[in-house]
Amino acid sequence: MATQGATAAAPFEGYGPLVTDPNGLLDLPRGFSYRLLSSLGDAMADGGTVPDKADGMGCLPLGENEIVLIRNHELIPTDNAGGVLASGFGRRDGAIVPGGTTNLVLDATTLAPKREFRTLAGTIRNCSGGITPWGSWLTCEEAPTGPGQRYGDGLERNHGWVFEVPAAANGLVDAVPLTAMGRFNHEAACVDPATGIVYLTEDRDDSVLYRFLPDTPGRLTDGGRLQAMVIDGLADTRNWTGPDMATGTSHTVRWIDCTDVEAPQDDLRLRAAADGAALIARGEGIHTGTDEVFVCSTSGGQRKLGQIFRLVPGRGARADTIELFFESESEDQFNYGDNLTVGPNGHLIVCEDQYTDVVDNHLRGITPDGRAYAFGRLRLQTELAGGCFSPDGKWFFVNAYSPTRTLAITGPWAA
């Protein structure tokens, strides 16, 4: 009950100015601090070393007072794998290609690193992904390529798939492509815990938003149906030629089945758009909040600085809806948002990935009422990626892409 005469709390505007990091790595607001957990070249328990190009990442509980970070490495066939790979999905000229994931097991209380090792190999450009409610990480290839195509001759299999890595893995897992989830320029994924439906983004200027209806929720290897999002009366959400989609307005969504989802011609999005699916400018980060899904469009909006959409699943009781939750109007709000996550307090944290000769990438916070603020500033000439929270909400983990740095941040989070 409100007290008579009490005034409403002032809108949250951020944690204050960023304090210059004396170590030249990451500026944060006063009261916040970071810890360096892992770096390129660190020795791992399996005899390899930490690979480069750390991108999407998820955090899951393991029990026994342990948590695990499952980290993508967006490596192409000519990159260094960080050691000999004993098994993996694909090869080039007979050698297992180096992309995949590493697992970093931490003490849940102290964050002391306990074990670090490879868990997936033989994939190409594992960009982002998403955790599942049943305790695994979906890692997505941003590389719909194959024999005789991009990255040179010598590839033995088609790539461009989603793979699943259990949180409890203790070494390389069997690399099984989830082909029913489609072959395209994958970016990220998230799972609605109420239905088991998986939502998927694609990093293309003319991408669409997908969802996967599993035949058996929680068992993606059993197959299912891939669909694309249609917004009745709105074919293009990008706002490049004007404000076709106004911020804060809600639109009804329906879904159409995709066909020939293994797409040997890499044309899945084109065929979906021809059937009425709505265009999205470079769908990248996607994350489930409370009864809602947030989707980041890197280059959407009238300024082409980025958009964030809020999808509300109807879950069968009503129609799904989508709204343009946020559209950046200046570089100070955010400039090319990429990975994003939803904090325990409902705030979004967005990782920037600018495309300029000299980059000035930030962590950008966005409040539940759509106010943007600066949360961190990376002092390296690389992108921020993989933002995710520990299960208890105390720690925020993030990667510097290259050279690989994995950081844990804590401080006085807003309620």
Protein backbone atom coordinates (compact mmCIF):
# COMPACT_ATOMS: atom_id res chain seq x y z
CA MET A 1 0.00 0.00 0.00
CA ALA A 2 1.34 3.42 -0.92
CA THR A 3 1.82 5.93 1.87
CA GLN A 4 -0.28 9.03 1.49
CA GLY A 5 1.76 11.90 0.15
CA ALA A 6 4.68 9.67 -0.91
CA THR A 7 6.38 10.58 -4.17
CA ALA A 8 7.13 8.03 -6.88
CA ALA A 9 10.72 6.83 -7.18
CA ALA A 10 12.73 8.61 -9.85
CA PRO A 11 13.15 6.63 -13.09
CA PHE A 12 16.36 4.60 -13.16
CA GLU A 13 18.92 6.34 -15.38
CA GLY A 14 21.92 4.07 -14.87
CA TYR A 15 24.63 3.31 -12.33
CA GLY A 16 26.53 6.54 -12.86
CA PRO A 17 29.59 7.48 -14.92
CA LEU A 18 32.09 4.82 -15.93
CA VAL A 19 35.37 4.74 -14.03
CA THR A 20 38.53 4.31 -16.10
CA ASP A 21 40.05 0.85 -15.59
CA PRO A 22 43.74 1.21 -14.61
CA ASN A 23 44.37 -2.16 -16.30
CA GLY A 24 43.02 -0.86 -19.59
CA LEU A 25 40.49 -3.62 -20.09
CA LEU A 26 36.92 -2.71 -19.03
CA ASP A 27 35.54 0.50 -17.54
CA LEU A 28 32.60 0.01 -15.13
CA PRO A 29 30.50 2.21 -12.85
CA ARG A 30 31.73 2.89 -9.34
CA GLY A 31 30.98 -0.05 -7.04
CA PHE A 32 31.32 -2.65 -9.81
CA SER A 33 34.37 -4.81 -10.39
CA TYR A 34 35.44 -7.56 -12.72
CA ARG A 35 37.53 -10.71 -12.46
CA LEU A 36 39.48 -12.26 -15.35
CA LEU A 37 38.61 -15.97 -15.52
CA SER A 38 40.15 -17.23 -18.74
CA SER A 39 42.37 -15.97 -21.57
CA LEU A 40 43.56 -17.04 -25.00
CA GLY A 41 46.31 -19.63 -24.71
CA ASP A 42 45.61 -20.70 -21.12
CA ALA A 43 46.33 -24.40 -20.57
CA MET A 44 43.22 -26.58 -20.36
CA ALA A 45 42.69 -29.87 -18.55
CA ASP A 46 42.51 -31.88 -21.81
CA GLY A 47 45.97 -30.81 -22.96
CA GLY A 48 44.79 -28.09 -25.31
CA THR A 49 44.81 -24.34 -24.84
CA VAL A 50 41.95 -21.84 -24.78
CA PRO A 51 41.08 -20.99 -28.42
CA ASP A 52 40.46 -17.52 -29.80
CA LYS A 53 37.27 -15.74 -30.94
CA ALA A 54 35.13 -16.31 -27.85
CA ASP A 55 31.56 -15.40 -28.79
CA GLY A 56 28.18 -16.55 -27.45
CA MET A 57 28.12 -18.10 -23.98
CA GLY A 58 25.70 -19.55 -21.44
CA CYS A 59 25.87 -20.27 -17.72
CA LEU A 60 24.25 -23.33 -16.14
CA PRO A 61 24.27 -24.98 -12.68
CA LEU A 62 25.99 -28.33 -12.28
CA GLY A 63 25.25 -29.18 -8.64
CA GLU A 64 27.98 -29.89 -6.08
CA ASN A 65 28.39 -26.09 -5.74
CA GLU A 66 29.59 -25.79 -9.34
CA ILE A 67 28.46 -23.75 -12.33
CA VAL A 68 29.67 -24.03 -15.92
CA LEU A 69 30.23 -21.49 -18.66
CA ILE A 70 29.77 -23.03 -22.12
CA ARG A 71 31.57 -20.76 -24.56
CA ASN A 72 31.44 -20.64 -28.36
CA HIS A 73 34.58 -20.09 -30.44
CA GLU A 74 33.78 -18.56 -33.82
CA LEU A 75 36.70 -20.21 -35.61
CA ILE A 76 37.00 -20.74 -39.36
CA PRO A 77 38.91 -23.66 -40.93
CA THR A 78 42.20 -21.72 -41.16
CA ASP A 79 42.18 -20.72 -37.46
CA ASN A 80 44.19 -22.36 -34.68
CA ALA A 81 42.14 -24.92 -32.74
CA GLY A 82 44.27 -24.66 -29.60
CA GLY A 83 45.43 -28.26 -29.85
CA VAL A 84 44.81 -31.58 -31.56
CA LEU A 85 41.11 -32.39 -31.96
CA ALA A 86 40.34 -36.07 -31.41
CA SER A 87 36.85 -36.00 -32.92
CA GLY A 88 34.38 -33.60 -34.44
CA PHE A 89 31.62 -33.04 -36.96
CA GLY A 90 33.33 -31.85 -40.13
CA ARG A 91 36.71 -31.96 -41.83
CA ARG A 92 38.58 -29.91 -44.39
CA ASP A 93 41.29 -31.67 -46.38
CA GLY A 94 41.08 -34.49 -43.85
CA ALA A 95 41.62 -32.33 -40.75
CA ILE A 96 38.84 -31.63 -38.23
CA VAL A 97 37.81 -27.99 -38.56
CA PRO A 98 38.48 -25.98 -35.37
CA GLY A 99 35.17 -24.30 -34.48
CA GLY A 100 33.21 -25.43 -31.45
CA THR A 101 32.83 -24.92 -27.72
CA THR A 102 34.79 -25.02 -24.48
CA ASN A 103 33.40 -25.59 -20.98
CA LEU A 104 34.76 -23.66 -18.00
CA VAL A 105 33.67 -25.12 -14.64
CA LEU A 106 33.70 -22.69 -11.70
CA ASP A 107 33.16 -22.88 -7.97
CA ALA A 108 29.70 -21.37 -7.59
CA THR A 109 30.68 -19.46 -4.43
CA THR A 110 34.21 -18.24 -5.09
CA LEU A 111 34.24 -18.41 -8.93
CA ALA A 112 37.57 -20.23 -8.72
CA PRO A 113 38.15 -22.03 -12.06
CA LYS A 114 38.15 -25.80 -11.52
CA ARG A 115 38.21 -27.40 -15.00
CA GLU A 116 38.39 -26.12 -18.57
CA PHE A 117 38.21 -28.30 -21.68
CA ARG A 118 36.91 -28.70 -25.23
CA THR A 119 33.35 -30.00 -25.62
CA LEU A 120 32.56 -29.62 -29.35
CA ALA A 121 34.77 -29.61 -32.43
CA GLY A 122 34.48 -29.86 -36.20
CA THR A 123 32.15 -26.91 -36.68
CA ILE A 124 32.54 -23.50 -38.35
CA ARG A 125 31.87 -20.03 -36.94
CA ASN A 126 29.96 -20.97 -33.79
CA CYS A 127 28.58 -17.51 -33.24
CA SER A 128 25.94 -17.53 -30.54
CA GLY A 129 23.34 -19.92 -29.15
CA GLY A 130 21.28 -20.30 -26.00
CA ILE A 131 20.81 -22.37 -22.87
CA THR A 132 17.96 -24.86 -22.48
CA PRO A 133 15.74 -25.54 -19.44
CA TRP A 134 16.94 -29.17 -19.46
CA GLY A 135 20.58 -28.25 -18.89
CA SER A 136 22.39 -27.83 -22.18
CA TRP A 137 23.73 -25.22 -24.58
CA LEU A 138 22.58 -24.87 -28.18
CA THR A 139 25.56 -23.74 -30.25
CA CYS A 140 24.82 -22.35 -33.70
CA GLU A 141 26.98 -22.27 -36.84
CA GLU A 142 26.94 -18.95 -38.67
CA ALA A 143 28.25 -20.69 -41.76
CA PRO A 144 25.86 -22.20 -44.31
CA THR A 145 28.74 -23.53 -46.39
CA GLY A 146 29.93 -26.84 -47.75
CA PRO A 147 32.16 -28.61 -50.25
CA GLY A 148 33.57 -26.18 -52.80
CA GLN A 149 32.01 -23.15 -51.12
CA ARG A 150 33.24 -20.44 -48.73
CA TYR A 151 36.50 -21.03 -46.80
CA GLY A 152 38.01 -22.83 -49.76
CA ASP A 153 37.78 -26.30 -51.21
CA GLY A 154 38.27 -29.33 -49.07
CA LEU A 155 35.18 -29.25 -46.83
CA GLU A 156 33.67 -32.70 -46.62
CA ARG A 157 30.19 -31.86 -45.27
CA ASN A 158 27.59 -29.13 -45.34
CA HIS A 159 27.65 -26.76 -42.37
CA GLY A 160 25.15 -24.26 -40.99
CA TRP A 161 23.52 -26.29 -38.22
CA VAL A 162 22.64 -26.19 -34.52
CA PHE A 163 24.38 -28.61 -32.12
CA GLU A 164 23.63 -29.40 -28.47
CA VAL A 165 26.26 -29.54 -25.70
CA PRO A 166 25.19 -30.87 -22.26
CA ALA A 167 26.26 -28.76 -19.29
CA ALA A 168 27.52 -31.96 -17.62
CA ALA A 169 29.85 -32.87 -20.51
CA ASN A 170 33.37 -33.74 -19.37
CA GLY A 171 35.03 -33.80 -22.79
CA LEU A 172 34.25 -33.82 -26.50
CA VAL A 173 30.60 -34.73 -27.16
CA ASP A 174 29.26 -36.54 -30.19
CA ALA A 175 28.69 -33.72 -32.68
CA VAL A 176 25.15 -34.38 -33.97
CA PRO A 177 23.63 -31.68 -36.21
CA LEU A 178 20.00 -30.87 -35.40
CA THR A 179 19.07 -30.73 -39.07
CA ALA A 180 15.32 -30.31 -38.50
CA MET A 181 16.11 -26.90 -36.97
CA GLY A 182 17.21 -25.66 -40.39
CA ARG A 183 20.39 -24.84 -42.26
CA PHE A 184 21.00 -21.10 -42.44
CA ASN A 185 23.28 -18.33 -41.20
CA HIS A 186 22.47 -19.10 -37.57
CA GLU A 187 23.07 -16.59 -34.80
CA ALA A 188 21.32 -17.30 -31.50
CA ALA A 189 18.60 -19.42 -29.92
CA CYS A 190 16.41 -19.44 -26.83
CA VAL A 191 13.83 -21.83 -25.42
CA ASP A 192 10.41 -21.00 -23.99
CA PRO A 193 10.47 -23.04 -20.75
CA ALA A 194 6.67 -23.36 -20.74
CA THR A 195 6.41 -25.03 -24.16
CA GLY A 196 9.89 -26.16 -25.20
CA ILE A 197 9.60 -24.10 -28.39
CA VAL A 198 12.97 -22.84 -29.64
CA TYR A 199 13.26 -19.36 -31.19
CA LEU A 200 16.11 -18.77 -33.64
CA THR A 201 17.72 -15.70 -35.25
CA GLU A 202 19.69 -15.31 -38.49
CA ASP A 203 22.44 -12.76 -39.09
CA ARG A 204 21.50 -11.42 -42.51
CA ASP A 205 20.25 -8.02 -43.68
CA ASP A 206 17.15 -9.77 -45.03
CA SER A 207 16.67 -12.33 -42.28
CA VAL A 208 13.45 -13.62 -40.73
CA LEU A 209 12.65 -14.89 -37.23
CA TYR A 210 12.22 -18.64 -36.84
CA ARG A 211 10.73 -20.94 -34.26
CA PHE A 212 11.13 -24.71 -33.91
CA LEU A 213 8.28 -26.84 -32.57
CA PRO A 214 9.91 -30.03 -31.27
CA ASP A 215 8.08 -33.32 -31.66
CA THR A 216 9.21 -34.10 -28.10
CA PRO A 217 9.88 -31.06 -25.92
CA GLY A 218 13.33 -31.39 -24.42
CA ARG A 219 14.49 -33.95 -27.04
CA LEU A 220 15.48 -31.94 -30.08
CA THR A 221 17.04 -34.95 -31.81
CA ASP A 222 13.50 -36.34 -32.25
CA GLY A 223 12.84 -33.66 -34.89
CA GLY A 224 10.01 -31.19 -35.30
CA ARG A 225 8.70 -28.34 -37.45
CA LEU A 226 10.54 -25.15 -38.36
CA GLN A 227 8.40 -22.05 -38.89
CA ALA A 228 8.91 -18.39 -39.79
CA MET A 229 7.19 -15.34 -38.28
CA VAL A 230 4.51 -13.44 -40.19
CA ILE A 231 3.23 -10.06 -38.96
CA ASP A 232 -0.09 -9.38 -40.62
CA GLY A 233 0.02 -6.05 -42.46
CA LEU A 234 3.75 -5.56 -41.92
CA ALA A 235 6.26 -7.16 -44.28
CA ASP A 236 9.36 -5.29 -43.10
CA THR A 237 10.36 -4.43 -39.52
CA ARG A 238 13.66 -2.76 -40.40
CA ASN A 239 12.35 0.84 -40.62
CA TRP A 240 15.09 1.69 -43.11
CA THR A 241 12.76 3.69 -45.34
CA GLY A 242 10.63 5.18 -42.58
CA PRO A 243 8.87 4.33 -39.31
CA ASP A 244 6.89 1.36 -40.61
CA MET A 245 6.90 -0.16 -37.12
CA ALA A 246 6.43 2.35 -34.32
CA THR A 247 8.11 1.83 -30.95
CA GLY A 248 5.72 0.44 -28.35
CA THR A 249 3.02 -0.72 -30.74
CA SER A 250 1.93 -4.34 -30.59
CA HIS A 251 1.26 -6.50 -33.65
CA THR A 252 -0.34 -9.92 -33.96
CA VAL A 253 1.97 -12.70 -35.09
CA ARG A 254 1.33 -15.97 -36.86
CA TRP A 255 3.74 -18.63 -38.04
CA ILE A 256 4.11 -20.42 -41.36
CA ASP A 257 5.80 -23.75 -41.94
CA CYS A 258 9.19 -23.73 -43.65
CA THR A 259 9.88 -26.34 -46.33
CA ASP A 260 13.10 -28.01 -47.43
CA VAL A 261 14.70 -26.78 -44.21
CA GLU A 262 18.11 -28.30 -44.97
CA ALA A 263 18.30 -25.61 -47.71
CA PRO A 264 21.22 -26.71 -49.90
CA GLN A 265 20.99 -23.34 -51.71
CA ASP A 266 21.03 -21.30 -48.48
CA ASP A 267 17.71 -19.74 -49.47
CA LEU A 268 15.53 -20.59 -46.48
CA ARG A 269 14.94 -16.95 -45.50
CA LEU A 270 14.21 -15.95 -49.10
CA ARG A 271 11.55 -18.59 -49.53
CA ALA A 272 10.04 -17.73 -46.15
CA ALA A 273 9.87 -14.02 -47.05
CA ALA A 274 8.25 -14.87 -50.40
CA ASP A 275 5.55 -16.69 -48.39
CA GLY A 276 4.95 -13.62 -46.22
CA ALA A 277 7.50 -13.80 -43.38
CA ALA A 278 8.52 -10.40 -41.98
CA LEU A 279 12.03 -9.12 -42.73
CA ILE A 280 14.43 -8.35 -39.88
CA ALA A 281 17.76 -6.54 -40.20
CA ARG A 282 20.45 -8.90 -38.92
CA GLY A 283 18.71 -10.82 -36.18
CA GLU A 284 21.38 -11.53 -33.55
CA GLY A 285 20.95 -11.88 -29.78
CA ILE A 286 17.78 -13.52 -28.46
CA HIS A 287 16.90 -14.29 -24.86
CA THR A 288 13.88 -15.36 -22.83
CA GLY A 289 12.74 -13.08 -20.03
CA THR A 290 9.62 -13.57 -17.93
CA ASP A 291 6.93 -14.72 -20.39
CA GLU A 292 8.60 -12.79 -23.22
CA VAL A 293 11.40 -13.11 -25.74
CA PHE A 294 13.73 -10.23 -26.59
CA VAL A 295 15.32 -10.14 -30.06
CA CYS A 296 18.18 -7.85 -31.09
CA SER A 297 18.40 -6.54 -34.66
CA THR A 298 21.95 -5.26 -35.13
CA SER A 299 21.43 -2.81 -37.98
CA GLY A 300 17.69 -2.14 -37.83
CA GLY A 301 16.05 1.25 -37.34
CA GLN A 302 15.94 4.55 -39.17
CA ARG A 303 19.52 5.30 -38.05
CA LYS A 304 20.57 1.67 -38.71
CA LEU A 305 22.04 1.55 -35.18
CA GLY A 306 19.90 -1.31 -33.92
CA GLN A 307 16.50 -2.38 -32.64
CA ILE A 308 15.15 -4.67 -29.93
CA PHE A 309 11.86 -6.51 -30.34
CA ARG A 310 9.71 -8.01 -27.60
CA LEU A 311 7.84 -11.15 -28.60
CA VAL A 312 5.11 -12.39 -26.25
CA PRO A 313 4.22 -16.05 -26.89
CA GLY A 314 0.52 -16.78 -26.61
CA ARG A 315 1.30 -20.42 -25.77
CA GLY A 316 -1.86 -21.64 -27.44
CA ALA A 317 -4.26 -19.62 -25.30
CA ARG A 318 -4.03 -16.54 -27.52
CA ALA A 319 -2.13 -15.22 -30.51
CA ASP A 320 1.54 -14.34 -30.20
CA THR A 321 2.32 -10.62 -30.37
CA ILE A 322 5.44 -8.60 -31.12
CA GLU A 323 6.36 -5.00 -30.45
CA LEU A 324 9.32 -2.81 -31.25
CA PHE A 325 10.57 -2.42 -27.69
CA PHE A 326 13.53 -0.15 -28.43
CA GLU A 327 15.12 1.55 -31.43
CA SER A 328 18.45 3.31 -31.04
CA GLU A 329 18.43 6.95 -32.10
CA SER A 330 22.08 7.72 -31.32
CA GLU A 331 25.44 6.02 -30.82
CA ASP A 332 25.14 6.89 -27.11
CA GLN A 333 22.10 4.63 -26.75
CA PHE A 334 23.72 1.74 -28.56
CA ASN A 335 25.64 1.23 -31.75
CA TYR A 336 25.17 -2.16 -33.39
CA GLY A 337 23.80 -4.26 -30.54
CA ASP A 338 24.63 -7.94 -30.82
CA ASN A 339 24.33 -10.54 -28.02
CA LEU A 340 21.88 -9.60 -25.30
CA THR A 341 20.59 -11.07 -22.07
CA VAL A 342 17.86 -10.34 -19.53
CA GLY A 343 19.04 -9.76 -15.98
CA PRO A 344 17.27 -10.96 -12.82
CA ASN A 345 16.03 -7.38 -12.35
CA GLY A 346 14.45 -7.32 -15.81
CA HIS A 347 17.09 -5.01 -17.30
CA LEU A 348 18.59 -5.96 -20.65
CA ILE A 349 22.35 -5.90 -21.12
CA VAL A 350 23.38 -5.58 -24.76
CA CYS A 351 26.88 -6.26 -26.12
CA GLU A 352 27.98 -3.87 -28.85
CA ASP A 353 29.81 -4.96 -32.01
CA GLN A 354 30.55 -1.83 -34.02
CA TYR A 355 31.69 -1.90 -37.63
CA THR A 356 34.11 1.01 -37.69
CA ASP A 357 37.88 1.26 -38.22
CA VAL A 358 38.30 2.22 -34.55
CA VAL A 359 35.69 0.59 -32.32
CA ASP A 360 34.42 1.86 -28.99
CA ASN A 361 32.26 -1.05 -27.87
CA HIS A 362 30.12 -0.79 -24.75
CA LEU A 363 27.85 -2.87 -22.59
CA ARG A 364 24.50 -1.06 -22.78
CA GLY A 365 21.77 -1.49 -20.21
CA ILE A 366 18.10 -0.97 -21.04
CA THR A 367 15.52 -0.69 -18.28
CA PRO A 368 12.13 -2.44 -18.41
CA ASP A 369 10.58 0.90 -19.40
CA GLY A 370 13.00 1.33 -22.33
CA ARG A 371 15.68 3.69 -20.96
CA ALA A 372 19.20 3.04 -22.24
CA TYR A 373 22.34 3.61 -20.17
CA ALA A 374 26.05 2.79 -20.39
CA PHE A 375 27.10 -0.09 -18.16
CA GLY A 376 30.62 -0.84 -19.40
CA ARG A 377 33.21 0.21 -21.97
CA LEU A 378 35.69 -2.23 -23.48
CA ARG A 379 39.15 -0.76 -23.94
CA LEU A 380 40.29 -3.37 -26.48
CA GLN A 381 39.79 -3.16 -30.24
CA THR A 382 37.36 -6.06 -30.38
CA GLU A 383 33.71 -6.84 -29.69
CA LEU A 384 31.89 -7.79 -26.51
CA ALA A 385 29.98 -11.06 -26.65
CA GLY A 386 28.31 -13.81 -24.68
CA GLY A 387 26.77 -11.80 -21.86
CA CYS A 388 24.96 -14.04 -19.35
CA PHE A 389 24.17 -14.15 -15.62
CA SER A 390 24.99 -16.75 -13.00
CA PRO A 391 21.97 -18.70 -11.71
CA ASP A 392 21.97 -16.67 -8.47
CA GLY A 393 22.06 -13.36 -10.40
CA LYS A 394 25.18 -12.12 -8.60
CA TRP A 395 27.65 -12.37 -11.48
CA PHE A 396 27.47 -11.19 -15.06
CA PHE A 397 29.82 -13.01 -17.43
CA VAL A 398 31.03 -11.61 -20.75
CA ASN A 399 33.70 -12.29 -23.37
CA ALA A 400 36.10 -10.03 -25.18
CA TYR A 401 36.13 -11.71 -28.59
CA SER A 402 39.78 -11.61 -29.70
CA PRO A 403 42.12 -12.20 -28.04
CA THR A 404 39.79 -14.33 -25.91
CA ARG A 405 39.10 -12.91 -22.47
CA THR A 406 36.29 -14.19 -20.24
CA LEU A 407 35.29 -11.86 -17.40
CA ALA A 408 32.96 -12.01 -14.39
CA ILE A 409 31.40 -8.71 -13.22
CA THR A 410 29.64 -8.03 -9.94
CA GLY A 411 28.36 -5.03 -8.05
CA PRO A 412 25.26 -3.32 -6.64
CA TRP A 413 22.71 -4.43 -9.24
CA ALA A 414 19.53 -2.36 -9.30
CA ALA A 415 16.52 -4.04 -7.76
